Amino acid sequence: MNCTFCNKDLDITEKIGRKDTCPHCDQDLHCCKQCRFYDPNAYNGCREVSAERVFDKENANFCDFFVIRGSKERGGNAHRVKDAKKALEALFNKKK
């Protein structure tokens, strides 16, 4: 993944902490603009419906739903919905 601010490559191997910064430009990594749920066209600028509103999208925040862009890690409630749908489909398909 690349830093949103300097566009340089980031080698992320561990979970991002609130105070972690880009080694190239020193911008915060745990901020809305670095998150996979960030969408300036979505309500409150976030596709995670359970997240609290964050006004400053470029500085570190305490959002519990933060997942770094480009990560394969699943975050937020979206995976719960998919898992529930799969479970229901499996349940009802067995009865056919």
N, C-alpha and C. Protein backbone atom coordinates (compact mmCIF):
# COMPACT_ATOMS: atom_id res chain seq x y z
N MET A 1 0.84 -1.18 0.00
CA MET A 1 0.00 0.00 0.00
C MET A 1 0.87 1.23 0.00
N ASN A 2 0.32 2.33 -0.47
CA ASN A 2 1.04 3.60 -0.50
C ASN A 2 0.43 4.58 0.48
N CYS A 3 1.26 5.46 1.01
CA CYS A 3 0.78 6.53 1.88
C CYS A 3 -0.10 7.47 1.06
N THR A 4 -1.22 7.86 1.60
CA THR A 4 -2.14 8.77 0.92
C THR A 4 -1.51 10.14 0.71
N PHE A 5 -0.64 10.54 1.60
CA PHE A 5 -0.10 11.90 1.58
C PHE A 5 1.13 12.04 0.69
N CYS A 6 2.09 11.11 0.78
CA CYS A 6 3.32 11.23 -0.02
C CYS A 6 3.39 10.22 -1.16
N ASN A 7 2.46 9.26 -1.17
CA ASN A 7 2.36 8.24 -2.22
C ASN A 7 3.55 7.29 -2.26
N LYS A 8 4.34 7.23 -1.19
CA LYS A 8 5.46 6.29 -1.13
C LYS A 8 4.98 4.97 -0.54
N ASP A 9 5.67 3.91 -0.93
CA ASP A 9 5.30 2.57 -0.52
C ASP A 9 5.51 2.37 0.98
N LEU A 10 4.53 1.73 1.63
CA LEU A 10 4.62 1.42 3.06
C LEU A 10 4.64 -0.09 3.22
N ASP A 11 5.58 -0.59 4.00
CA ASP A 11 5.66 -2.01 4.29
C ASP A 11 5.04 -2.23 5.66
N ILE A 12 3.74 -2.49 5.68
CA ILE A 12 3.00 -2.66 6.94
C ILE A 12 2.92 -4.14 7.26
N THR A 13 3.48 -4.53 8.40
CA THR A 13 3.44 -5.94 8.81
C THR A 13 2.67 -6.14 10.11
N GLU A 14 2.45 -5.07 10.86
CA GLU A 14 1.74 -5.16 12.13
C GLU A 14 0.55 -4.23 12.13
N LYS A 15 -0.30 -4.38 13.14
CA LYS A 15 -1.46 -3.51 13.28
C LYS A 15 -0.99 -2.06 13.50
N ILE A 16 -1.69 -1.12 12.88
CA ILE A 16 -1.34 0.29 12.99
C ILE A 16 -1.87 0.85 14.31
N GLY A 17 -0.99 1.49 15.06
CA GLY A 17 -1.39 2.14 16.31
C GLY A 17 -1.78 3.59 16.06
N ARG A 18 -2.42 4.21 17.01
CA ARG A 18 -2.90 5.58 16.85
C ARG A 18 -1.78 6.58 16.61
N LYS A 19 -0.62 6.33 17.16
CA LYS A 19 0.49 7.29 17.05
C LYS A 19 1.49 6.93 15.95
N ASP A 20 1.23 5.88 15.19
CA ASP A 20 2.14 5.49 14.11
C ASP A 20 2.08 6.50 12.97
N THR A 21 3.25 6.76 12.38
CA THR A 21 3.34 7.73 11.29
C THR A 21 4.07 7.12 10.10
N CYS A 22 3.90 7.75 8.95
CA CYS A 22 4.60 7.34 7.73
C CYS A 22 6.09 7.61 7.92
N PRO A 23 6.95 6.63 7.62
CA PRO A 23 8.40 6.85 7.78
C PRO A 23 8.97 7.85 6.77
N HIS A 24 8.22 8.16 5.73
CA HIS A 24 8.71 9.07 4.68
C HIS A 24 8.28 10.52 4.91
N CYS A 25 7.00 10.74 5.25
CA CYS A 25 6.49 12.11 5.37
C CYS A 25 6.03 12.48 6.77
N ASP A 26 6.05 11.51 7.70
CA ASP A 26 5.69 11.72 9.10
C ASP A 26 4.21 12.05 9.32
N GLN A 27 3.35 11.75 8.35
CA GLN A 27 1.91 11.95 8.52
C GLN A 27 1.34 10.77 9.31
N ASP A 28 0.25 11.01 10.03
CA ASP A 28 -0.41 9.96 10.80
C ASP A 28 -0.93 8.85 9.88
N LEU A 29 -0.74 7.61 10.31
CA LEU A 29 -1.27 6.47 9.56
C LEU A 29 -2.67 6.10 10.01
N HIS A 30 -2.97 6.27 11.31
CA HIS A 30 -4.29 5.91 11.85
C HIS A 30 -5.23 7.10 11.70
N CYS A 31 -5.55 7.42 10.45
CA CYS A 31 -6.47 8.53 10.17
C CYS A 31 -7.43 8.10 9.06
N CYS A 32 -8.49 8.84 8.91
CA CYS A 32 -9.54 8.49 7.94
C CYS A 32 -9.00 8.31 6.53
N LYS A 33 -8.14 9.21 6.09
CA LYS A 33 -7.66 9.15 4.71
C LYS A 33 -6.79 7.94 4.43
N GLN A 34 -6.31 7.27 5.47
CA GLN A 34 -5.50 6.06 5.29
C GLN A 34 -6.34 4.79 5.47
N CYS A 35 -7.63 4.95 5.77
CA CYS A 35 -8.51 3.82 6.11
C CYS A 35 -9.24 3.28 4.88
N ARG A 36 -9.46 1.97 4.86
CA ARG A 36 -10.18 1.35 3.75
C ARG A 36 -11.63 1.79 3.68
N PHE A 37 -12.21 2.29 4.77
CA PHE A 37 -13.61 2.72 4.78
C PHE A 37 -13.79 4.19 4.39
N TYR A 38 -12.69 4.91 4.22
CA TYR A 38 -12.79 6.34 3.88
C TYR A 38 -13.39 6.50 2.49
N ASP A 39 -14.42 7.33 2.42
CA ASP A 39 -15.07 7.65 1.15
C ASP A 39 -15.66 9.04 1.28
N PRO A 40 -15.06 10.04 0.64
CA PRO A 40 -15.55 11.41 0.79
C PRO A 40 -16.99 11.59 0.30
N ASN A 41 -17.50 10.65 -0.50
CA ASN A 41 -18.87 10.74 -0.99
C ASN A 41 -19.88 10.05 -0.07
N ALA A 42 -19.41 9.29 0.90
CA ALA A 42 -20.30 8.60 1.83
C ALA A 42 -20.71 9.53 2.97
N TYR A 43 -21.78 9.16 3.67
CA TYR A 43 -22.24 9.92 4.82
C TYR A 43 -21.11 9.99 5.85
N ASN A 44 -20.79 11.17 6.31
CA ASN A 44 -19.70 11.42 7.25
C ASN A 44 -18.33 11.02 6.70
N GLY A 45 -18.25 10.76 5.40
CA GLY A 45 -16.97 10.41 4.79
C GLY A 45 -16.50 9.01 5.10
N CYS A 46 -17.43 8.13 5.53
CA CYS A 46 -17.05 6.78 5.95
C CYS A 46 -18.09 5.76 5.51
N ARG A 47 -17.63 4.63 4.95
CA ARG A 47 -18.54 3.56 4.54
C ARG A 47 -18.89 2.62 5.69
N GLU A 48 -18.24 2.77 6.84
CA GLU A 48 -18.57 1.94 8.01
C GLU A 48 -19.71 2.64 8.74
N VAL A 49 -20.90 2.05 8.70
CA VAL A 49 -22.10 2.72 9.23
C VAL A 49 -22.09 2.87 10.75
N SER A 50 -21.32 2.06 11.46
CA SER A 50 -21.30 2.13 12.92
C SER A 50 -20.26 3.10 13.47
N ALA A 51 -19.41 3.61 12.61
CA ALA A 51 -18.33 4.50 13.07
C ALA A 51 -18.88 5.87 13.48
N GLU A 52 -18.26 6.42 14.52
CA GLU A 52 -18.62 7.77 14.95
C GLU A 52 -18.05 8.78 13.97
N ARG A 53 -18.66 9.95 13.90
CA ARG A 53 -18.21 10.98 12.98
C ARG A 53 -16.84 11.53 13.41
N VAL A 54 -15.95 11.64 12.46
CA VAL A 54 -14.63 12.22 12.69
C VAL A 54 -14.52 13.44 11.79
N PHE A 55 -14.26 14.59 12.38
CA PHE A 55 -14.22 15.83 11.60
C PHE A 55 -12.89 16.01 10.87
N ASP A 56 -11.79 15.70 11.54
CA ASP A 56 -10.46 15.88 10.95
C ASP A 56 -10.03 14.56 10.31
N LYS A 57 -10.10 14.48 9.01
CA LYS A 57 -9.83 13.24 8.29
C LYS A 57 -8.34 12.97 8.07
N GLU A 58 -7.47 13.96 8.35
CA GLU A 58 -6.05 13.81 8.06
C GLU A 58 -5.18 13.56 9.29
N ASN A 59 -5.74 13.67 10.48
CA ASN A 59 -4.96 13.46 11.70
C ASN A 59 -5.44 12.23 12.44
N ALA A 60 -4.58 11.71 13.31
CA ALA A 60 -4.88 10.48 14.06
C ALA A 60 -6.18 10.61 14.83
N ASN A 61 -6.89 9.47 14.93
CA ASN A 61 -8.15 9.43 15.68
C ASN A 61 -8.24 8.12 16.45
N PHE A 62 -9.33 7.96 17.18
CA PHE A 62 -9.52 6.78 18.02
C PHE A 62 -10.54 5.81 17.44
N CYS A 63 -10.79 5.86 16.15
CA CYS A 63 -11.81 5.02 15.53
C CYS A 63 -11.48 3.53 15.72
N ASP A 64 -12.45 2.79 16.25
CA ASP A 64 -12.27 1.36 16.48
C ASP A 64 -12.41 0.53 15.21
N PHE A 65 -12.95 1.12 14.15
CA PHE A 65 -13.19 0.40 12.91
C PHE A 65 -12.06 0.57 11.90
N PHE A 66 -11.01 1.30 12.27
CA PHE A 66 -9.92 1.59 11.34
C PHE A 66 -9.25 0.32 10.83
N VAL A 67 -9.12 0.25 9.51
CA VAL A 67 -8.36 -0.81 8.85
C VAL A 67 -7.56 -0.12 7.75
N ILE A 68 -6.26 -0.31 7.75
CA ILE A 68 -5.40 0.38 6.79
C ILE A 68 -5.80 0.00 5.36
N ARG A 69 -5.79 0.96 4.47
CA ARG A 69 -6.13 0.71 3.06
C ARG A 69 -5.21 -0.37 2.49
N GLY A 70 -5.74 -1.21 1.65
CA GLY A 70 -4.93 -2.25 1.02
C GLY A 70 -4.75 -3.48 1.87
N SER A 71 -5.23 -3.45 3.10
CA SER A 71 -5.10 -4.59 4.00
C SER A 71 -6.14 -5.66 3.64
N LYS A 72 -5.78 -6.91 3.85
CA LYS A 72 -6.75 -7.99 3.64
C LYS A 72 -7.55 -8.25 4.90
N GLU A 73 -7.18 -7.57 5.97
CA GLU A 73 -7.90 -7.71 7.23
C GLU A 73 -9.32 -7.18 7.06
N ARG A 74 -10.27 -7.88 7.64
CA ARG A 74 -11.65 -7.41 7.58
C ARG A 74 -11.93 -6.59 8.82
N GLY A 75 -12.64 -5.52 8.64
CA GLY A 75 -12.96 -4.66 9.78
C GLY A 75 -14.40 -4.23 9.74
N GLY A 76 -14.87 -3.65 10.81
CA GLY A 76 -16.22 -3.13 10.85
C GLY A 76 -17.26 -4.23 10.90
N ASN A 77 -18.47 -3.90 10.52
CA ASN A 77 -19.59 -4.83 10.58
C ASN A 77 -19.88 -5.52 9.26
N ALA A 78 -19.24 -5.09 8.19
CA ALA A 78 -19.55 -5.64 6.87
C ALA A 78 -19.34 -7.15 6.83
N HIS A 79 -18.27 -7.66 7.46
CA HIS A 79 -18.03 -9.10 7.43
C HIS A 79 -19.07 -9.86 8.23
N ARG A 80 -19.63 -9.26 9.26
CA ARG A 80 -20.66 -9.93 10.05
C ARG A 80 -21.91 -10.17 9.22
N VAL A 81 -22.27 -9.19 8.40
CA VAL A 81 -23.44 -9.33 7.53
C VAL A 81 -23.21 -10.45 6.53
N LYS A 82 -22.04 -10.49 5.91
CA LYS A 82 -21.74 -11.54 4.94
C LYS A 82 -21.75 -12.92 5.60
N ASP A 83 -21.15 -13.01 6.79
CA ASP A 83 -21.11 -14.28 7.50
C ASP A 83 -22.52 -14.75 7.88
N ALA A 84 -23.36 -13.82 8.30
CA ALA A 84 -24.74 -14.16 8.67
C ALA A 84 -25.52 -14.65 7.45
N LYS A 85 -25.34 -13.97 6.32
CA LYS A 85 -26.03 -14.39 5.09
C LYS A 85 -25.59 -15.79 4.67
N LYS A 86 -24.29 -16.07 4.76
CA LYS A 86 -23.79 -17.39 4.39
C LYS A 86 -24.38 -18.47 5.30
N ALA A 87 -24.46 -18.16 6.59
CA ALA A 87 -25.01 -19.12 7.55
C ALA A 87 -26.48 -19.39 7.26
N LEU A 88 -27.24 -18.35 6.95
CA LEU A 88 -28.65 -18.53 6.63
C LEU A 88 -28.84 -19.31 5.34
N GLU A 89 -28.04 -19.00 4.34
CA GLU A 89 -28.13 -19.73 3.08
C GLU A 89 -27.81 -21.21 3.29
N ALA A 90 -26.80 -21.49 4.08
CA ALA A 90 -26.43 -22.88 4.35
C ALA A 90 -27.56 -23.59 5.10
N LEU A 91 -28.18 -22.91 6.03
CA LEU A 91 -29.26 -23.49 6.82
C LEU A 91 -30.45 -23.83 5.93
N PHE A 92 -30.86 -22.90 5.09
CA PHE A 92 -32.04 -23.12 4.26
C PHE A 92 -31.75 -24.02 3.07
N ASN A 93 -30.54 -24.05 2.58
CA ASN A 93 -30.20 -24.94 1.48
C ASN A 93 -30.17 -26.39 1.93
N LYS A 94 -29.86 -26.64 3.20
CA LYS A 94 -29.84 -28.00 3.73
C LYS A 94 -31.24 -28.60 3.78
N LYS A 95 -32.25 -27.76 3.97
CA LYS A 95 -33.63 -28.25 4.11
C LYS A 95 -34.26 -28.59 2.78
N LYS A 96 -33.67 -28.21 1.67
CA LYS A 96 -34.27 -28.47 0.35
C LYS A 96 -34.21 -29.91 -0.01
